[in-house]
């Protein structure tokens, strides 16, 4: 499990260079992509700006964990929470503390939920051979487990290996992958 974000392995985490946290406005801390909004503008460094433009795209880890922001892309995982979460309130609370997955090209956060918690994003495959091995050892995830994945053996490699995101459940031995093809 990651130390900065429990559902993102530290080795897979990517900060965004040259961006300032849009809530606390600190520039000396790493910022991460986040699709969301500020809940209480009075808690933001620039309250007027937060009132006029509550939408945020870059936040530091402290602000993501702080409870004054919420993700606005909840539609992307509603199906997972409804079908798989034993404790939906906990699942939503933890979802709002997830940064955007560092390598999701399409920005759509279809993040696997297993054992009542969000799986840890661990990496993208480094090669076509690794991707083919992943297809044999990982469960494909698209709006939940069980969808039919692309067959890269017959269709060829994806445009970019960054289209594939690998996840691991911290509670059981399950591993998942998503395919965000463009």
N, C-alpha and C. Protein backbone atom coordinates (compact mmCIF):
# COMPACT_ATOMS: atom_id res chain seq x y z
N UNK A 1 0.84 -1.19 0.00
CA UNK A 1 0.00 0.00 0.00
C UNK A 1 0.88 1.25 0.00
N UNK A 2 0.39 2.25 -0.70
CA UNK A 2 1.13 3.49 -0.75
C UNK A 2 1.10 4.23 0.57
N UNK A 3 2.11 5.02 0.82
CA UNK A 3 2.16 5.83 2.04
C UNK A 3 1.45 7.17 1.86
N UNK A 4 1.53 7.74 0.66
CA UNK A 4 0.89 9.04 0.41
C UNK A 4 -0.61 8.85 0.19
N UNK A 5 -0.97 7.91 -0.67
CA UNK A 5 -2.36 7.52 -0.90
C UNK A 5 -2.42 6.01 -0.77
N UNK A 6 -3.28 5.51 0.11
CA UNK A 6 -3.29 4.07 0.35
C UNK A 6 -3.67 3.27 -0.88
N UNK A 7 -4.36 3.87 -1.82
CA UNK A 7 -4.79 3.14 -3.01
C UNK A 7 -3.96 3.46 -4.25
N UNK A 8 -2.78 4.02 -4.05
CA UNK A 8 -1.84 4.25 -5.15
C UNK A 8 -0.44 3.90 -4.62
N UNK A 9 0.19 2.93 -5.23
CA UNK A 9 1.56 2.57 -4.83
C UNK A 9 2.46 3.79 -5.02
N UNK A 10 3.31 4.04 -4.05
CA UNK A 10 4.19 5.21 -4.14
C UNK A 10 5.03 5.21 -5.42
N UNK A 11 5.46 4.04 -5.86
CA UNK A 11 6.27 3.95 -7.09
C UNK A 11 5.46 4.31 -8.33
N UNK A 12 4.14 4.19 -8.26
CA UNK A 12 3.29 4.49 -9.41
C UNK A 12 2.74 5.92 -9.37
N UNK A 13 2.93 6.60 -8.27
CA UNK A 13 2.38 7.94 -8.09
C UNK A 13 3.17 8.97 -8.89
N UNK A 14 2.47 9.84 -9.58
CA UNK A 14 3.11 10.89 -10.37
C UNK A 14 2.52 12.24 -9.98
N UNK A 15 3.38 13.13 -9.51
CA UNK A 15 2.91 14.49 -9.22
C UNK A 15 2.95 15.29 -10.52
N UNK A 16 2.30 16.43 -10.50
CA UNK A 16 2.22 17.29 -11.68
C UNK A 16 3.19 18.45 -11.46
N UNK A 17 4.16 18.56 -12.32
CA UNK A 17 5.17 19.61 -12.21
C UNK A 17 4.57 20.99 -12.52
N UNK A 18 5.00 21.97 -11.77
CA UNK A 18 4.64 23.35 -12.06
C UNK A 18 3.25 23.78 -11.68
N UNK A 19 2.50 22.97 -10.96
CA UNK A 19 1.14 23.33 -10.55
C UNK A 19 1.11 23.61 -9.05
N UNK A 20 0.25 24.52 -8.67
CA UNK A 20 0.05 24.90 -7.28
C UNK A 20 -1.25 24.26 -6.81
N UNK A 21 -1.29 23.85 -5.56
CA UNK A 21 -2.52 23.29 -5.01
C UNK A 21 -3.62 24.33 -5.10
N UNK A 22 -4.74 23.97 -5.67
CA UNK A 22 -5.82 24.93 -5.90
C UNK A 22 -6.68 25.18 -4.67
N UNK A 23 -6.41 24.50 -3.58
CA UNK A 23 -7.14 24.81 -2.36
C UNK A 23 -6.27 25.58 -1.36
N UNK A 24 -5.11 25.05 -1.01
CA UNK A 24 -4.27 25.72 -0.01
C UNK A 24 -3.28 26.70 -0.65
N UNK A 25 -3.08 26.59 -1.95
CA UNK A 25 -2.20 27.44 -2.75
C UNK A 25 -0.72 27.33 -2.38
N UNK A 26 -0.35 26.25 -1.71
CA UNK A 26 1.08 26.04 -1.44
C UNK A 26 1.75 25.59 -2.73
N UNK A 27 2.89 26.16 -3.01
CA UNK A 27 3.61 25.81 -4.24
C UNK A 27 4.81 24.92 -3.96
N UNK A 28 5.16 24.73 -2.70
CA UNK A 28 6.34 23.95 -2.37
C UNK A 28 6.04 22.47 -2.11
N UNK A 29 4.80 22.06 -2.34
CA UNK A 29 4.42 20.67 -2.13
C UNK A 29 4.01 20.04 -3.46
N UNK A 30 4.19 18.73 -3.60
CA UNK A 30 3.74 18.08 -4.84
C UNK A 30 2.22 18.17 -4.98
N UNK A 31 1.77 18.35 -6.20
CA UNK A 31 0.34 18.35 -6.49
C UNK A 31 0.01 17.17 -7.38
N UNK A 32 -1.24 16.74 -7.31
CA UNK A 32 -1.70 15.58 -8.06
C UNK A 32 -2.98 15.94 -8.79
N UNK A 33 -3.20 15.30 -9.91
CA UNK A 33 -4.44 15.54 -10.65
C UNK A 33 -5.61 15.06 -9.81
N UNK A 34 -6.68 15.84 -9.85
CA UNK A 34 -7.88 15.52 -9.07
C UNK A 34 -9.06 16.15 -9.78
N UNK A 35 -10.07 15.39 -10.06
CA UNK A 35 -11.26 15.89 -10.74
C UNK A 35 -12.31 16.13 -9.67
N UNK A 36 -12.42 17.39 -9.22
CA UNK A 36 -13.35 17.63 -8.13
C UNK A 36 -13.68 19.08 -7.90
N UNK A 37 -14.15 19.33 -6.68
CA UNK A 37 -14.55 20.68 -6.30
C UNK A 37 -14.31 20.89 -4.81
N UNK A 38 -14.15 22.14 -4.44
CA UNK A 38 -14.00 22.53 -3.04
C UNK A 38 -15.39 22.58 -2.42
N UNK A 39 -15.53 21.98 -1.25
CA UNK A 39 -16.83 21.93 -0.57
C UNK A 39 -17.13 23.23 0.16
N UNK A 40 -16.23 23.66 1.03
CA UNK A 40 -16.42 24.88 1.82
C UNK A 40 -15.37 25.91 1.40
N UNK A 41 -15.76 26.90 0.59
CA UNK A 41 -14.80 27.91 0.13
C UNK A 41 -14.11 28.67 1.26
N UNK A 42 -14.74 28.75 2.41
CA UNK A 42 -14.14 29.47 3.54
C UNK A 42 -12.86 28.80 4.04
N UNK A 43 -12.68 27.54 3.73
CA UNK A 43 -11.48 26.81 4.16
C UNK A 43 -10.37 26.86 3.12
N UNK A 44 -10.62 27.49 2.00
CA UNK A 44 -9.61 27.61 0.94
C UNK A 44 -8.75 28.84 1.19
N UNK A 45 -7.55 28.84 0.65
CA UNK A 45 -6.65 29.98 0.81
C UNK A 45 -7.24 31.24 0.18
N UNK A 46 -7.88 31.10 -0.95
CA UNK A 46 -8.52 32.23 -1.63
C UNK A 46 -10.03 31.95 -1.63
N UNK A 47 -10.71 32.44 -0.60
CA UNK A 47 -12.13 32.12 -0.44
C UNK A 47 -12.98 32.66 -1.59
N UNK A 48 -12.67 33.85 -2.08
CA UNK A 48 -13.44 34.43 -3.17
C UNK A 48 -13.31 33.58 -4.44
N UNK A 49 -12.10 33.18 -4.77
CA UNK A 49 -11.89 32.35 -5.95
C UNK A 49 -12.60 31.00 -5.77
N UNK A 50 -12.51 30.42 -4.58
CA UNK A 50 -13.15 29.13 -4.33
C UNK A 50 -14.67 29.22 -4.41
N UNK A 51 -15.23 30.38 -4.08
CA UNK A 51 -16.67 30.58 -4.22
C UNK A 51 -17.06 30.69 -5.69
N UNK A 52 -16.27 31.46 -6.44
CA UNK A 52 -16.57 31.69 -7.85
C UNK A 52 -16.24 30.48 -8.72
N UNK A 53 -15.14 29.82 -8.42
CA UNK A 53 -14.66 28.68 -9.21
C UNK A 53 -14.30 27.52 -8.27
N UNK A 54 -15.27 26.79 -7.76
CA UNK A 54 -14.96 25.70 -6.83
C UNK A 54 -14.30 24.48 -7.48
N UNK A 55 -14.35 24.40 -8.80
CA UNK A 55 -13.77 23.26 -9.51
C UNK A 55 -12.25 23.25 -9.35
N UNK A 56 -11.69 22.06 -9.06
CA UNK A 56 -10.25 21.92 -8.90
C UNK A 56 -9.73 20.79 -9.80
N UNK A 57 -8.47 20.93 -10.20
CA UNK A 57 -7.81 19.93 -11.04
C UNK A 57 -6.48 19.48 -10.45
N UNK A 58 -5.90 20.30 -9.55
CA UNK A 58 -4.61 19.99 -8.95
C UNK A 58 -4.68 20.27 -7.46
N UNK A 59 -4.36 19.24 -6.66
CA UNK A 59 -4.39 19.37 -5.21
C UNK A 59 -3.18 18.67 -4.61
N UNK A 60 -2.77 19.13 -3.44
CA UNK A 60 -1.73 18.42 -2.71
C UNK A 60 -2.39 17.27 -1.93
N UNK A 61 -1.58 16.35 -1.46
CA UNK A 61 -2.10 15.18 -0.72
C UNK A 61 -2.84 15.61 0.53
N UNK A 62 -2.34 16.63 1.24
CA UNK A 62 -3.01 17.09 2.46
C UNK A 62 -4.43 17.56 2.17
N UNK A 63 -4.62 18.28 1.09
CA UNK A 63 -5.96 18.78 0.74
C UNK A 63 -6.86 17.65 0.25
N UNK A 64 -6.32 16.69 -0.46
CA UNK A 64 -7.14 15.55 -0.91
C UNK A 64 -7.61 14.75 0.30
N UNK A 65 -6.74 14.58 1.28
CA UNK A 65 -7.09 13.84 2.49
C UNK A 65 -7.90 14.67 3.49
N UNK A 66 -7.87 15.99 3.33
CA UNK A 66 -8.42 16.90 4.34
C UNK A 66 -9.93 16.94 4.49
N UNK A 67 -10.67 16.43 3.54
CA UNK A 67 -12.12 16.37 3.67
C UNK A 67 -12.88 17.58 3.16
N UNK A 68 -12.19 18.55 2.56
CA UNK A 68 -12.89 19.72 2.05
C UNK A 68 -13.00 19.71 0.52
N UNK A 69 -12.71 18.59 -0.10
CA UNK A 69 -12.89 18.44 -1.55
C UNK A 69 -13.64 17.14 -1.79
N UNK A 70 -14.33 17.11 -2.91
CA UNK A 70 -15.01 15.88 -3.32
C UNK A 70 -14.84 15.73 -4.82
N UNK A 71 -14.75 14.49 -5.23
CA UNK A 71 -14.61 14.19 -6.65
C UNK A 71 -15.94 14.49 -7.34
N UNK A 72 -15.87 14.96 -8.56
CA UNK A 72 -17.10 15.24 -9.31
C UNK A 72 -17.35 14.19 -10.39
N UNK A 73 -16.49 13.20 -10.47
CA UNK A 73 -16.66 12.14 -11.46
C UNK A 73 -17.21 10.87 -10.81
N UNK A 74 -18.13 11.04 -9.88
CA UNK A 74 -18.70 9.89 -9.17
C UNK A 74 -19.45 8.94 -10.10
N UNK A 75 -19.97 9.45 -11.20
CA UNK A 75 -20.70 8.62 -12.16
C UNK A 75 -19.85 7.46 -12.66
N UNK A 76 -18.53 7.65 -12.66
CA UNK A 76 -17.64 6.62 -13.20
C UNK A 76 -17.58 5.36 -12.33
N UNK A 77 -17.94 5.48 -11.05
CA UNK A 77 -17.86 4.32 -10.16
C UNK A 77 -19.17 4.03 -9.43
N UNK A 78 -20.22 4.76 -9.75
CA UNK A 78 -21.51 4.52 -9.07
C UNK A 78 -21.92 3.06 -9.15
N UNK A 79 -21.75 2.46 -10.32
CA UNK A 79 -22.12 1.06 -10.51
C UNK A 79 -21.33 0.15 -9.56
N UNK A 80 -20.06 0.43 -9.36
CA UNK A 80 -19.23 -0.39 -8.47
C UNK A 80 -19.68 -0.25 -7.02
N UNK A 81 -19.94 0.98 -6.60
CA UNK A 81 -20.37 1.20 -5.22
C UNK A 81 -21.73 0.54 -4.99
N UNK A 82 -22.66 0.72 -5.90
CA UNK A 82 -24.00 0.14 -5.74
C UNK A 82 -23.95 -1.38 -5.68
N UNK A 83 -23.16 -1.99 -6.53
CA UNK A 83 -23.14 -3.46 -6.62
C UNK A 83 -22.19 -4.12 -5.64
N UNK A 84 -21.07 -3.47 -5.30
CA UNK A 84 -20.01 -4.19 -4.60
C UNK A 84 -19.68 -3.69 -3.20
N UNK A 85 -20.08 -2.47 -2.86
CA UNK A 85 -19.69 -1.93 -1.55
C UNK A 85 -20.61 -2.45 -0.45
N UNK A 86 -20.02 -3.05 0.56
CA UNK A 86 -20.78 -3.47 1.73
C UNK A 86 -21.15 -2.25 2.57
N UNK A 87 -20.26 -1.27 2.58
CA UNK A 87 -20.47 -0.03 3.31
C UNK A 87 -20.34 1.13 2.31
N UNK A 88 -21.43 1.49 1.63
CA UNK A 88 -21.36 2.53 0.60
C UNK A 88 -20.82 3.87 1.11
N UNK A 89 -21.17 4.27 2.33
CA UNK A 89 -20.67 5.55 2.86
C UNK A 89 -19.15 5.54 2.96
N UNK A 90 -18.59 4.44 3.44
CA UNK A 90 -17.13 4.30 3.53
C UNK A 90 -16.52 4.34 2.13
N UNK A 91 -17.13 3.62 1.20
CA UNK A 91 -16.61 3.59 -0.17
C UNK A 91 -16.58 5.00 -0.77
N UNK A 92 -17.65 5.78 -0.57
CA UNK A 92 -17.68 7.14 -1.11
C UNK A 92 -16.66 8.03 -0.40
N UNK A 93 -16.55 7.91 0.90
CA UNK A 93 -15.57 8.71 1.66
C UNK A 93 -14.16 8.44 1.13
N UNK A 94 -13.83 7.17 0.94
CA UNK A 94 -12.50 6.81 0.43
C UNK A 94 -12.32 7.22 -1.03
N UNK A 95 -13.39 7.17 -1.81
CA UNK A 95 -13.30 7.58 -3.22
C UNK A 95 -12.91 9.05 -3.33
N UNK A 96 -13.46 9.88 -2.46
CA UNK A 96 -13.15 11.31 -2.50
C UNK A 96 -11.71 11.59 -2.09
N UNK A 97 -11.03 10.59 -1.53
CA UNK A 97 -9.63 10.76 -1.14
C UNK A 97 -8.67 10.10 -2.12
N UNK A 98 -9.16 9.75 -3.30
CA UNK A 98 -8.32 9.20 -4.36
C UNK A 98 -7.91 10.31 -5.32
N UNK A 99 -6.63 10.41 -5.63
CA UNK A 99 -6.26 11.32 -6.73
C UNK A 99 -6.67 10.65 -8.03
N UNK A 100 -6.61 11.38 -9.12
CA UNK A 100 -6.79 10.72 -10.42
C UNK A 100 -5.68 9.68 -10.54
N UNK A 101 -5.98 8.54 -11.11
CA UNK A 101 -4.94 7.55 -11.31
C UNK A 101 -3.88 8.18 -12.20
N UNK A 102 -2.63 8.06 -11.82
CA UNK A 102 -1.57 8.79 -12.52
C UNK A 102 -1.51 8.57 -14.02
N UNK A 103 -1.89 7.42 -14.51
CA UNK A 103 -1.69 7.15 -15.93
C UNK A 103 -2.99 6.90 -16.69
N UNK A 104 -4.13 7.22 -16.12
CA UNK A 104 -5.39 7.03 -16.84
C UNK A 104 -5.44 8.06 -17.96
N UNK A 105 -5.34 7.61 -19.19
CA UNK A 105 -5.30 8.53 -20.32
C UNK A 105 -6.63 9.24 -20.55
N UNK A 106 -7.72 8.53 -20.40
CA UNK A 106 -9.02 9.12 -20.69
C UNK A 106 -9.58 9.93 -19.53
N UNK A 107 -8.95 9.85 -18.36
CA UNK A 107 -9.41 10.61 -17.22
C UNK A 107 -10.60 9.97 -16.51
N UNK A 108 -11.20 8.97 -17.08
CA UNK A 108 -12.34 8.30 -16.48
C UNK A 108 -11.84 7.36 -15.40
N UNK A 109 -12.32 7.52 -14.21
CA UNK A 109 -11.79 6.80 -13.05
C UNK A 109 -12.59 5.54 -12.77
N UNK A 110 -12.48 4.53 -13.60
CA UNK A 110 -13.12 3.24 -13.37
C UNK A 110 -12.17 2.40 -12.51
N UNK A 111 -12.21 2.64 -11.20
CA UNK A 111 -11.24 2.08 -10.26
C UNK A 111 -11.83 0.83 -9.63
N UNK A 112 -11.15 -0.31 -9.68
CA UNK A 112 -11.70 -1.54 -9.10
C UNK A 112 -11.94 -1.44 -7.59
N UNK A 113 -13.06 -2.00 -7.17
CA UNK A 113 -13.46 -2.06 -5.76
C UNK A 113 -13.55 -3.54 -5.40
N UNK A 114 -12.78 -3.97 -4.42
CA UNK A 114 -12.73 -5.38 -4.03
C UNK A 114 -12.60 -5.46 -2.51
N UNK A 115 -13.25 -6.42 -1.90
CA UNK A 115 -13.19 -6.61 -0.45
C UNK A 115 -13.56 -5.32 0.30
N UNK A 116 -14.53 -4.60 -0.27
CA UNK A 116 -15.06 -3.38 0.31
C UNK A 116 -14.05 -2.23 0.42
N UNK A 117 -13.05 -2.24 -0.46
CA UNK A 117 -12.10 -1.14 -0.49
C UNK A 117 -11.60 -0.96 -1.93
N UNK A 118 -11.12 0.24 -2.23
CA UNK A 118 -10.58 0.52 -3.56
C UNK A 118 -9.23 -0.16 -3.69
N UNK A 119 -9.03 -0.85 -4.78
CA UNK A 119 -7.77 -1.56 -5.02
C UNK A 119 -6.64 -0.55 -5.21
N UNK A 120 -5.43 -1.02 -4.99
CA UNK A 120 -4.26 -0.17 -5.14
C UNK A 120 -3.81 -0.15 -6.60
N UNK A 121 -3.69 1.06 -7.15
CA UNK A 121 -3.11 1.21 -8.48
C UNK A 121 -1.62 0.97 -8.34
N UNK A 122 -1.07 0.01 -9.11
CA UNK A 122 0.33 -0.35 -8.93
C UNK A 122 1.23 0.01 -10.10
N UNK A 123 0.70 0.04 -11.32
CA UNK A 123 1.56 0.33 -12.47
C UNK A 123 0.81 0.17 -13.77
N UNK A 124 1.54 0.32 -14.83
CA UNK A 124 1.11 -0.05 -16.18
C UNK A 124 2.10 -1.10 -16.67
N UNK A 125 1.70 -1.98 -17.55
CA UNK A 125 2.65 -2.97 -18.06
C UNK A 125 3.81 -2.26 -18.76
N UNK A 126 4.99 -2.84 -18.64
CA UNK A 126 6.17 -2.24 -19.24
C UNK A 126 6.42 -2.70 -20.66
N UNK A 127 5.77 -3.80 -21.06
CA UNK A 127 6.01 -4.34 -22.41
C UNK A 127 4.78 -5.12 -22.85
N UNK A 128 4.73 -5.43 -24.14
CA UNK A 128 3.64 -6.24 -24.66
C UNK A 128 3.66 -7.63 -24.01
N UNK A 129 4.84 -8.19 -23.79
CA UNK A 129 4.94 -9.50 -23.15
C UNK A 129 4.34 -9.46 -21.75
N UNK A 130 4.63 -8.39 -21.00
CA UNK A 130 4.05 -8.26 -19.66
C UNK A 130 2.53 -8.12 -19.76
N UNK A 131 2.05 -7.36 -20.71
CA UNK A 131 0.61 -7.20 -20.89
C UNK A 131 -0.05 -8.55 -21.19
N UNK A 132 0.54 -9.34 -22.05
CA UNK A 132 -0.02 -10.65 -22.37
C UNK A 132 -0.03 -11.55 -21.14
N UNK A 133 0.99 -11.44 -20.30
CA UNK A 133 1.02 -12.21 -19.05
C UNK A 133 -0.05 -11.71 -18.10
N UNK A 134 -0.24 -10.39 -18.04
CA UNK A 134 -1.27 -9.80 -17.19
C UNK A 134 -2.64 -10.33 -17.58
N UNK A 135 -2.89 -10.46 -18.86
CA UNK A 135 -4.19 -10.96 -19.30
C UNK A 135 -4.44 -12.40 -18.84
N UNK A 136 -3.39 -13.12 -18.52
CA UNK A 136 -3.54 -14.49 -18.02
C UNK A 136 -3.68 -14.54 -16.50
N UNK A 137 -3.15 -13.54 -15.80
CA UNK A 137 -3.10 -13.59 -14.33
C UNK A 137 -4.02 -12.60 -13.63
N UNK A 138 -4.52 -11.60 -14.34
CA UNK A 138 -5.36 -10.56 -13.75
C UNK A 138 -6.80 -10.64 -14.27
N UNK A 139 -7.73 -10.26 -13.44
CA UNK A 139 -9.14 -10.17 -13.84
C UNK A 139 -9.34 -8.84 -14.56
N UNK A 140 -9.96 -8.87 -15.70
CA UNK A 140 -10.26 -7.63 -16.42
C UNK A 140 -11.39 -6.89 -15.70
N UNK A 141 -11.27 -5.56 -15.62
CA UNK A 141 -12.26 -4.72 -14.94
C UNK A 141 -12.74 -3.64 -15.90
N UNK A 142 -14.03 -3.65 -16.16
CA UNK A 142 -14.67 -2.57 -16.91
C UNK A 142 -16.07 -2.44 -16.35
N UNK A 143 -16.31 -1.41 -15.58
CA UNK A 143 -17.58 -1.23 -14.87
C UNK A 143 -17.86 -2.43 -13.96
N UNK A 144 -16.81 -3.04 -13.47
CA UNK A 144 -16.92 -4.22 -12.61
C UNK A 144 -16.18 -5.38 -13.25
N UNK A 145 -16.07 -6.49 -12.52
CA UNK A 145 -15.39 -7.65 -13.07
C UNK A 145 -16.28 -8.39 -14.07
N UNK A 146 -15.67 -9.10 -14.97
CA UNK A 146 -16.44 -9.99 -15.84
C UNK A 146 -16.64 -9.56 -17.27
N UNK A 147 -16.30 -8.33 -17.61
CA UNK A 147 -16.45 -7.90 -19.01
C UNK A 147 -15.42 -8.63 -19.88
N UNK A 148 -15.64 -8.64 -21.15
CA UNK A 148 -14.72 -9.30 -22.07
C UNK A 148 -13.63 -8.31 -22.49
N UNK A 149 -12.37 -8.63 -22.23
CA UNK A 149 -11.28 -7.72 -22.59
C UNK A 149 -10.89 -7.85 -24.06
N UNK A 150 -10.13 -6.88 -24.52
CA UNK A 150 -9.53 -6.98 -25.85
C UNK A 150 -8.50 -8.11 -25.84
N UNK A 151 -8.41 -8.81 -26.93
CA UNK A 151 -7.42 -9.88 -27.05
C UNK A 151 -6.20 -9.30 -27.76
N UNK A 152 -5.19 -8.93 -27.00
CA UNK A 152 -4.02 -8.29 -27.58
C UNK A 152 -3.15 -9.27 -28.37
N UNK A 153 -3.32 -10.55 -28.12
CA UNK A 153 -2.57 -11.54 -28.88
C UNK A 153 -2.98 -11.51 -30.35
N UNK A 154 -4.28 -11.38 -30.59
CA UNK A 154 -4.76 -11.39 -31.97
C UNK A 154 -4.93 -9.98 -32.55
N UNK A 155 -5.29 -9.01 -31.71
CA UNK A 155 -5.54 -7.66 -32.22
C UNK A 155 -4.29 -6.79 -32.24
N UNK A 156 -3.23 -7.24 -31.60
CA UNK A 156 -2.01 -6.44 -31.55
C UNK A 156 -1.99 -5.57 -30.31
N UNK A 157 -0.88 -4.90 -30.09
CA UNK A 157 -0.72 -4.11 -28.87
C UNK A 157 -1.60 -2.86 -28.88
N UNK A 158 -1.88 -2.32 -27.68
CA UNK A 158 -2.61 -1.06 -27.64
C UNK A 158 -1.74 0.07 -28.19
N UNK A 159 -2.38 1.18 -28.46
CA UNK A 159 -1.65 2.35 -28.96
C UNK A 159 -0.54 2.74 -27.98
N UNK A 160 -0.86 2.65 -26.68
CA UNK A 160 0.11 2.95 -25.63
C UNK A 160 -0.13 2.01 -24.47
N UNK A 161 0.91 1.53 -23.85
CA UNK A 161 0.76 0.67 -22.68
C UNK A 161 0.19 1.45 -21.50
N UNK A 162 0.22 2.77 -21.59
CA UNK A 162 -0.38 3.60 -20.54
C UNK A 162 -1.90 3.51 -20.56
N UNK A 163 -2.46 2.87 -21.56
CA UNK A 163 -3.91 2.65 -21.60
C UNK A 163 -4.32 1.55 -20.62
N UNK A 164 -3.36 0.77 -20.16
CA UNK A 164 -3.62 -0.36 -19.28
C UNK A 164 -3.18 0.02 -17.87
N UNK A 165 -4.06 -0.14 -16.89
CA UNK A 165 -3.73 0.16 -15.49
C UNK A 165 -3.88 -1.11 -14.68
N UNK A 166 -2.88 -1.39 -13.85
CA UNK A 166 -2.86 -2.60 -13.04
C UNK A 166 -3.20 -2.26 -11.59
N UNK A 167 -4.01 -3.11 -10.97
CA UNK A 167 -4.46 -2.91 -9.60
C UNK A 167 -4.31 -4.19 -8.80
N UNK A 168 -4.16 -4.03 -7.49
CA UNK A 168 -4.09 -5.18 -6.58
C UNK A 168 -4.97 -4.90 -5.38
N UNK A 169 -5.71 -5.91 -4.95
CA UNK A 169 -6.52 -5.80 -3.75
C UNK A 169 -5.61 -6.00 -2.55
N UNK A 170 -5.70 -5.13 -1.56
CA UNK A 170 -4.86 -5.21 -0.37
C UNK A 170 -5.34 -6.29 0.59
N UNK A 171 -6.56 -6.77 0.41
CA UNK A 171 -7.13 -7.74 1.35
C UNK A 171 -7.08 -9.19 0.86
N UNK A 172 -7.08 -9.39 -0.43
CA UNK A 172 -7.08 -10.75 -0.96
C UNK A 172 -6.03 -10.83 -2.07
N UNK A 173 -5.96 -11.92 -2.73
CA UNK A 173 -4.93 -12.12 -3.75
C UNK A 173 -5.37 -11.70 -5.15
N UNK A 174 -6.49 -11.01 -5.28
CA UNK A 174 -6.98 -10.64 -6.61
C UNK A 174 -6.19 -9.48 -7.21
N UNK A 175 -5.98 -9.60 -8.50
CA UNK A 175 -5.35 -8.54 -9.27
C UNK A 175 -6.26 -8.22 -10.44
N UNK A 176 -6.35 -6.94 -10.77
CA UNK A 176 -7.24 -6.48 -11.84
C UNK A 176 -6.46 -5.61 -12.82
N UNK A 177 -7.01 -5.47 -14.00
CA UNK A 177 -6.47 -4.48 -14.92
C UNK A 177 -7.61 -3.83 -15.66
N UNK A 178 -7.41 -2.56 -16.00
CA UNK A 178 -8.38 -1.82 -16.80
C UNK A 178 -7.72 -1.49 -18.13
N UNK A 179 -8.53 -1.25 -19.12
CA UNK A 179 -8.07 -0.94 -20.46
C UNK A 179 -8.80 0.32 -20.89
N UNK A 180 -8.09 1.42 -20.93
CA UNK A 180 -8.71 2.70 -21.28
C UNK A 180 -8.38 3.07 -22.72
N UNK A 181 -8.79 2.23 -23.62
CA UNK A 181 -8.44 2.50 -25.01
C UNK A 181 -9.16 3.71 -25.55
N UNK A 182 -8.46 4.40 -26.43
CA UNK A 182 -9.02 5.64 -27.00
C UNK A 182 -9.67 5.36 -28.33
